[in-house]
Amino acid sequence: MDAGRLSGVPCFRGTRIPVQMLMDHLTAGFSLDEFLETVPSLERAQAQRFIELAGEQMKECASSLTNA
């Protein structure tokens, strides 16, 4: 995140592509491949890593809820 870039909206490193854009596409039922076609400047590895990290966060969050 950079306050000087897209008002601080979280973006993929080295791009002006908001991570929310990927989340919105996936939520709408589009595949990762379809998303990457719309933003060819984003590397597949970056998008895949974001998905992995988001999944890890979700597991931690769900785990903390069940252990409370």
PDB file of N, CA and C in Angstrom:
ATOM      1  N   MET A   1       0.849  -1.173   0.000  1.00  0.00           N
ATOM      2  CA  MET A   1       0.000   0.000   0.000  1.00  0.00           C
ATOM      3  C   MET A   1       0.895   1.237   0.000  1.00  0.00           C
ATOM      4  N   ASP A   2       0.468   2.219  -0.733  1.00  0.00           N
ATOM      5  CA  ASP A   2       1.205   3.466  -0.858  1.00  0.00           C
ATOM      6  C   ASP A   2       0.178   4.589  -0.924  1.00  0.00           C
ATOM      7  N   ALA A   3       0.235   5.491   0.040  1.00  0.00           N
ATOM      8  CA  ALA A   3      -0.746   6.585   0.088  1.00  0.00           C
ATOM      9  C   ALA A   3      -0.716   7.428  -1.177  1.00  0.00           C
ATOM     10  N   GLY A   4       0.422   7.445  -1.867  1.00  0.00           N
ATOM     11  CA  GLY A   4       0.548   8.221  -3.090  1.00  0.00           C
ATOM     12  C   GLY A   4       0.085   7.488  -4.337  1.00  0.00           C
ATOM     13  N   ARG A   5      -0.317   6.249  -4.181  1.00  0.00           N
ATOM     14  CA  ARG A   5      -0.753   5.449  -5.331  1.00  0.00           C
ATOM     15  C   ARG A   5      -2.162   4.958  -5.082  1.00  0.00           C
ATOM     16  N   LEU A   6      -3.084   5.362  -5.910  1.00  0.00           N
ATOM     17  CA  LEU A   6      -4.490   4.953  -5.803  1.00  0.00           C
ATOM     18  C   LEU A   6      -5.043   5.180  -4.392  1.00  0.00           C
ATOM     19  N   SER A   7      -4.659   6.282  -3.796  1.00  0.00           N
ATOM     20  CA  SER A   7      -5.141   6.692  -2.461  1.00  0.00           C
ATOM     21  C   SER A   7      -4.885   5.644  -1.383  1.00  0.00           C
ATOM     22  N   GLY A   8      -3.843   4.856  -1.552  1.00  0.00           N
ATOM     23  CA  GLY A   8      -3.487   3.868  -0.539  1.00  0.00           C
ATOM     24  C   GLY A   8      -4.184   2.534  -0.666  1.00  0.00           C
ATOM     25  N   VAL A   9      -4.957   2.354  -1.717  1.00  0.00           N
ATOM     26  CA  VAL A   9      -5.638   1.078  -1.943  1.00  0.00           C
ATOM     27  C   VAL A   9      -4.572  -0.013  -2.132  1.00  0.00           C
ATOM     28  N   PRO A  10      -4.715  -1.170  -1.465  1.00  0.00           N
ATOM     29  CA  PRO A  10      -3.739  -2.249  -1.638  1.00  0.00           C
ATOM     30  C   PRO A  10      -3.670  -2.706  -3.094  1.00  0.00           C
ATOM     31  N   CYS A  11      -2.458  -2.685  -3.648  1.00  0.00           N
ATOM     32  CA  CYS A  11      -2.224  -3.091  -5.038  1.00  0.00           C
ATOM     33  C   CYS A  11      -1.159  -4.171  -5.069  1.00  0.00           C
ATOM     34  N   PHE A  12      -1.132  -4.896  -6.162  1.00  0.00           N
ATOM     35  CA  PHE A  12      -0.068  -5.859  -6.359  1.00  0.00           C
ATOM     36  C   PHE A  12       1.248  -5.098  -6.510  1.00  0.00           C
ATOM     37  N   ARG A  13       2.303  -5.613  -5.902  1.00  0.00           N
ATOM     38  CA  ARG A  13       3.607  -4.962  -5.911  1.00  0.00           C
ATOM     39  C   ARG A  13       4.055  -4.602  -7.328  1.00  0.00           C
ATOM     40  N   GLY A  14       4.471  -3.359  -7.479  1.00  0.00           N
ATOM     41  CA  GLY A  14       4.992  -2.894  -8.755  1.00  0.00           C
ATOM     42  C   GLY A  14       3.930  -2.595  -9.804  1.00  0.00           C
ATOM     43  N   THR A  15       2.652  -2.596  -9.383  1.00  0.00           N
ATOM     44  CA  THR A  15       1.565  -2.330 -10.328  1.00  0.00           C
ATOM     45  C   THR A  15       0.603  -1.312  -9.734  1.00  0.00           C
ATOM     46  N   ARG A  16      -0.357  -0.934 -10.517  1.00  0.00           N
ATOM     47  CA  ARG A  16      -1.469  -0.110 -10.039  1.00  0.00           C
ATOM     48  C   ARG A  16      -2.763  -0.932 -10.081  1.00  0.00           C
ATOM     49  N   ILE A  17      -2.617  -2.238  -9.960  1.00  0.00           N
ATOM     50  CA  ILE A  17      -3.755  -3.159 -10.009  1.00  0.00           C
ATOM     51  C   ILE A  17      -4.185  -3.472  -8.584  1.00  0.00           C
ATOM     52  N   PRO A  18      -5.364  -3.001  -8.193  1.00  0.00           N
ATOM     53  CA  PRO A  18      -5.835  -3.274  -6.829  1.00  0.00           C
ATOM     54  C   PRO A  18      -6.104  -4.763  -6.607  1.00  0.00           C
ATOM     55  N   VAL A  19      -5.714  -5.266  -5.435  1.00  0.00           N
ATOM     56  CA  VAL A  19      -5.982  -6.675  -5.133  1.00  0.00           C
ATOM     57  C   VAL A  19      -7.486  -6.931  -5.070  1.00  0.00           C
ATOM     58  N   GLN A  20      -8.250  -5.918  -4.721  1.00  0.00           N
ATOM     59  CA  GLN A  20      -9.712  -6.070  -4.670  1.00  0.00           C
ATOM     60  C   GLN A  20     -10.273  -6.438  -6.041  1.00  0.00           C
ATOM     61  N   MET A  21      -9.602  -5.987  -7.089  1.00  0.00           N
ATOM     62  CA  MET A  21     -10.046  -6.293  -8.451  1.00  0.00           C
ATOM     63  C   MET A  21     -10.027  -7.812  -8.676  1.00  0.00           C
ATOM     64  N   LEU A  22      -8.969  -8.478  -8.205  1.00  0.00           N
ATOM     65  CA  LEU A  22      -8.895  -9.936  -8.325  1.00  0.00           C
ATOM     66  C   LEU A  22     -10.002 -10.582  -7.497  1.00  0.00           C
ATOM     67  N   MET A  23     -10.184 -10.115  -6.276  1.00  0.00           N
ATOM     68  CA  MET A  23     -11.221 -10.684  -5.421  1.00  0.00           C
ATOM     69  C   MET A  23     -12.600 -10.522  -6.042  1.00  0.00           C
ATOM     70  N   ASP A  24     -12.865  -9.362  -6.614  1.00  0.00           N
ATOM     71  CA  ASP A  24     -14.158  -9.120  -7.254  1.00  0.00           C
ATOM     72  C   ASP A  24     -14.380 -10.060  -8.432  1.00  0.00           C
ATOM     73  N   HIS A  25     -13.347 -10.261  -9.248  1.00  0.00           N
ATOM     74  CA  HIS A  25     -13.471 -11.155 -10.400  1.00  0.00           C
ATOM     75  C   HIS A  25     -13.756 -12.591  -9.958  1.00  0.00           C
ATOM     76  N   LEU A  26     -13.009 -13.053  -8.962  1.00  0.00           N
ATOM     77  CA  LEU A  26     -13.203 -14.424  -8.495  1.00  0.00           C
ATOM     78  C   LEU A  26     -14.574 -14.601  -7.860  1.00  0.00           C
ATOM     79  N   THR A  27     -15.008 -13.623  -7.090  1.00  0.00           N
ATOM     80  CA  THR A  27     -16.325 -13.671  -6.457  1.00  0.00           C
ATOM     81  C   THR A  27     -17.443 -13.708  -7.496  1.00  0.00           C
ATOM     82  N   ALA A  28     -17.216 -13.030  -8.613  1.00  0.00           N
ATOM     83  CA  ALA A  28     -18.215 -12.997  -9.680  1.00  0.00           C
ATOM     84  C   ALA A  28     -18.228 -14.284 -10.504  1.00  0.00           C
ATOM     85  N   GLY A  29     -17.314 -15.209 -10.185  1.00  0.00           N
ATOM     86  CA  GLY A  29     -17.311 -16.488 -10.875  1.00  0.00           C
ATOM     87  C   GLY A  29     -16.320 -16.613 -12.016  1.00  0.00           C
ATOM     88  N   PHE A  30     -15.500 -15.580 -12.210  1.00  0.00           N
ATOM     89  CA  PHE A  30     -14.492 -15.657 -13.258  1.00  0.00           C
ATOM     90  C   PHE A  30     -13.294 -16.453 -12.768  1.00  0.00           C
ATOM     91  N   SER A  31     -12.600 -17.074 -13.692  1.00  0.00           N
ATOM     92  CA  SER A  31     -11.417 -17.849 -13.337  1.00  0.00           C
ATOM     93  C   SER A  31     -10.197 -16.926 -13.227  1.00  0.00           C
ATOM     94  N   LEU A  32      -9.135 -17.451 -12.642  1.00  0.00           N
ATOM     95  CA  LEU A  32      -7.888 -16.701 -12.566  1.00  0.00           C
ATOM     96  C   LEU A  32      -7.386 -16.386 -13.974  1.00  0.00           C
ATOM     97  N   ASP A  33      -7.493 -17.333 -14.880  1.00  0.00           N
ATOM     98  CA  ASP A  33      -7.059 -17.100 -16.262  1.00  0.00           C
ATOM     99  C   ASP A  33      -7.826 -15.946 -16.900  1.00  0.00           C
ATOM    100  N   GLU A  34      -9.135 -15.908 -16.662  1.00  0.00           N
ATOM    101  CA  GLU A  34      -9.940 -14.820 -17.225  1.00  0.00           C
ATOM    102  C   GLU A  34      -9.520 -13.479 -16.629  1.00  0.00           C
ATOM    103  N   PHE A  35      -9.233 -13.464 -15.336  1.00  0.00           N
ATOM    104  CA  PHE A  35      -8.768 -12.235 -14.708  1.00  0.00           C
ATOM    105  C   PHE A  35      -7.445 -11.786 -15.321  1.00  0.00           C
ATOM    106  N   LEU A  36      -6.515 -12.715 -15.462  1.00  0.00           N
ATOM    107  CA  LEU A  36      -5.196 -12.368 -15.990  1.00  0.00           C
ATOM    108  C   LEU A  36      -5.270 -11.868 -17.431  1.00  0.00           C
ATOM    109  N   GLU A  37      -6.276 -12.300 -18.170  1.00  0.00           N
ATOM    110  CA  GLU A  37      -6.466 -11.785 -19.525  1.00  0.00           C
ATOM    111  C   GLU A  37      -6.816 -10.302 -19.499  1.00  0.00           C
ATOM    112  N   THR A  38      -7.491  -9.856 -18.439  1.00  0.00           N
ATOM    113  CA  THR A  38      -7.882  -8.439 -18.347  1.00  0.00           C
ATOM    114  C   THR A  38      -6.742  -7.566 -17.859  1.00  0.00           C
ATOM    115  N   VAL A  39      -5.759  -8.153 -17.199  1.00  0.00           N
ATOM    116  CA  VAL A  39      -4.612  -7.396 -16.684  1.00  0.00           C
ATOM    117  C   VAL A  39      -3.313  -8.125 -17.045  1.00  0.00           C
ATOM    118  N   PRO A  40      -2.931  -8.080 -18.311  1.00  0.00           N
ATOM    119  CA  PRO A  40      -1.759  -8.842 -18.755  1.00  0.00           C
ATOM    120  C   PRO A  40      -0.443  -8.410 -18.096  1.00  0.00           C
ATOM    121  N   SER A  41      -0.426  -7.240 -17.465  1.00  0.00           N
ATOM    122  CA  SER A  41       0.811  -6.790 -16.821  1.00  0.00           C
ATOM    123  C   SER A  41       1.038  -7.475 -15.471  1.00  0.00           C
ATOM    124  N   LEU A  42       0.026  -8.161 -14.951  1.00  0.00           N
ATOM    125  CA  LEU A  42       0.161  -8.851 -13.670  1.00  0.00           C
ATOM    126  C   LEU A  42       0.691 -10.260 -13.912  1.00  0.00           C
ATOM    127  N   GLU A  43       1.695 -10.618 -13.147  1.00  0.00           N
ATOM    128  CA  GLU A  43       2.256 -11.960 -13.279  1.00  0.00           C
ATOM    129  C   GLU A  43       1.378 -12.974 -12.543  1.00  0.00           C
ATOM    130  N   ARG A  44       1.217 -14.123 -13.155  1.00  0.00           N
ATOM    131  CA  ARG A  44       0.404 -15.191 -12.572  1.00  0.00           C
ATOM    132  C   ARG A  44       0.890 -15.522 -11.156  1.00  0.00           C
ATOM    133  N   ALA A  45       2.195 -15.554 -10.967  1.00  0.00           N
ATOM    134  CA  ALA A  45       2.746 -15.902  -9.655  1.00  0.00           C
ATOM    135  C   ALA A  45       2.285 -14.922  -8.578  1.00  0.00           C
ATOM    136  N   GLN A  46       2.174 -13.635  -8.924  1.00  0.00           N
ATOM    137  CA  GLN A  46       1.707 -12.653  -7.946  1.00  0.00           C
ATOM    138  C   GLN A  46       0.263 -12.936  -7.542  1.00  0.00           C
ATOM    139  N   ALA A  47      -0.572 -13.198  -8.512  1.00  0.00           N
ATOM    140  CA  ALA A  47      -1.979 -13.464  -8.228  1.00  0.00           C
ATOM    141  C   ALA A  47      -2.134 -14.755  -7.434  1.00  0.00           C
ATOM    142  N   GLN A  48      -1.395 -15.776  -7.809  1.00  0.00           N
ATOM    143  CA  GLN A  48      -1.487 -17.047  -7.100  1.00  0.00           C
ATOM    144  C   GLN A  48      -1.011 -16.905  -5.665  1.00  0.00           C
ATOM    145  N   ARG A  49       0.053 -16.150  -5.462  1.00  0.00           N
ATOM    146  CA  ARG A  49       0.564 -15.955  -4.104  1.00  0.00           C
ATOM    147  C   ARG A  49      -0.444 -15.205  -3.253  1.00  0.00           C
ATOM    148  N   PHE A  50      -1.099 -14.213  -3.831  1.00  0.00           N
ATOM    149  CA  PHE A  50      -2.126 -13.484  -3.092  1.00  0.00           C
ATOM    150  C   PHE A  50      -3.241 -14.427  -2.665  1.00  0.00           C
ATOM    151  N   ILE A  51      -3.681 -15.286  -3.570  1.00  0.00           N
ATOM    152  CA  ILE A  51      -4.747 -16.237  -3.256  1.00  0.00           C
ATOM    153  C   ILE A  51      -4.302 -17.175  -2.127  1.00  0.00           C
ATOM    154  N   GLU A  52      -3.054 -17.634  -2.185  1.00  0.00           N
ATOM    155  CA  GLU A  52      -2.521 -18.498  -1.132  1.00  0.00           C
ATOM    156  C   GLU A  52      -2.525 -17.783   0.215  1.00  0.00           C
ATOM    157  N   LEU A  53      -2.036 -16.543   0.236  1.00  0.00           N
ATOM    158  CA  LEU A  53      -1.982 -15.782   1.480  1.00  0.00           C
ATOM    159  C   LEU A  53      -3.385 -15.496   2.021  1.00  0.00           C
ATOM    160  N   ALA A  54      -4.305 -15.181   1.141  1.00  0.00           N
ATOM    161  CA  ALA A  54      -5.681 -14.928   1.562  1.00  0.00           C
ATOM    162  C   ALA A  54      -6.281 -16.197   2.171  1.00  0.00           C
ATOM    163  N   GLY A  55      -6.005 -17.329   1.572  1.00  0.00           N
ATOM    164  CA  GLY A  55      -6.492 -18.602   2.105  1.00  0.00           C
ATOM    165  C   GLY A  55      -5.922 -18.896   3.481  1.00  0.00           C
ATOM    166  N   GLU A  56      -4.634 -18.610   3.674  1.00  0.00           N
ATOM    167  CA  GLU A  56      -4.006 -18.818   4.975  1.00  0.00           C
ATOM    168  C   GLU A  56      -4.651 -17.916   6.024  1.00  0.00           C
ATOM    169  N   GLN A  57      -4.924 -16.674   5.648  1.00  0.00           N
ATOM    170  CA  GLN A  57      -5.571 -15.739   6.571  1.00  0.00           C
ATOM    171  C   GLN A  57      -6.964 -16.223   6.957  1.00  0.00           C
ATOM    172  N   MET A  58      -7.692 -16.740   5.983  1.00  0.00           N
ATOM    173  CA  MET A  58      -9.042 -17.248   6.247  1.00  0.00           C
ATOM    174  C   MET A  58      -8.991 -18.429   7.218  1.00  0.00           C
ATOM    175  N   LYS A  59      -8.017 -19.318   7.027  1.00  0.00           N
ATOM    176  CA  LYS A  59      -7.882 -20.473   7.926  1.00  0.00           C
ATOM    177  C   LYS A  59      -7.573 -20.007   9.343  1.00  0.00           C
ATOM    178  N   GLU A  60      -6.663 -19.039   9.476  1.00  0.00           N
ATOM    179  CA  GLU A  60      -6.324 -18.499  10.798  1.00  0.00           C
ATOM    180  C   GLU A  60      -7.534 -17.861  11.450  1.00  0.00           C
ATOM    181  N   CYS A  61      -8.279 -17.099  10.675  1.00  0.00           N
ATOM    182  CA  CYS A  61      -9.458 -16.425  11.199  1.00  0.00           C
ATOM    183  C   CYS A  61     -10.495 -17.450  11.663  1.00  0.00           C
ATOM    184  N   ALA A  62     -10.763 -18.442  10.845  1.00  0.00           N
ATOM    185  CA  ALA A  62     -11.751 -19.468  11.187  1.00  0.00           C
ATOM    186  C   ALA A  62     -11.284 -20.269  12.403  1.00  0.00           C
ATOM    187  N   SER A  63      -9.997 -20.537  12.475  1.00  0.00           N
ATOM    188  CA  SER A  63      -9.445 -21.283  13.600  1.00  0.00           C
ATOM    189  C   SER A  63      -9.601 -20.503  14.904  1.00  0.00           C
ATOM    190  N   SER A  64      -9.351 -19.210  14.845  1.00  0.00           N
ATOM    191  CA  SER A  64      -9.462 -18.403  16.062  1.00  0.00           C
ATOM    192  C   SER A  64     -10.917 -18.295  16.522  1.00  0.00           C
ATOM    193  N   LEU A  65     -11.851 -18.355  15.586  1.00  0.00           N
ATOM    194  CA  LEU A  65     -13.264 -18.296  15.939  1.00  0.00           C
ATOM    195  C   LEU A  65     -13.725 -19.587  16.621  1.00  0.00           C
ATOM    196  N   THR A  66     -13.210 -20.711  16.148  1.00  0.00           N
ATOM    197  CA  THR A  66     -13.635 -21.994  16.713  1.00  0.00           C
ATOM    198  C   THR A  66     -12.936 -22.283  18.038  1.00  0.00           C
ATOM    199  N   ASN A  67     -11.809 -21.637  18.287  1.00  0.00           N
ATOM    200  CA  ASN A  67     -11.073 -21.838  19.533  1.00  0.00           C
ATOM    201  C   ASN A  67     -11.450 -20.827  20.604  1.00  0.00           C
ATOM    202  N   ALA A  68     -12.366 -19.934  20.303  1.00  0.00           N
ATOM    203  CA  ALA A  68     -12.740 -18.884  21.277  1.00  0.00           C
ATOM    204  C   ALA A  68     -13.705 -19.389  22.318  1.00  0.00           C
TER     205      ALA A  68
END
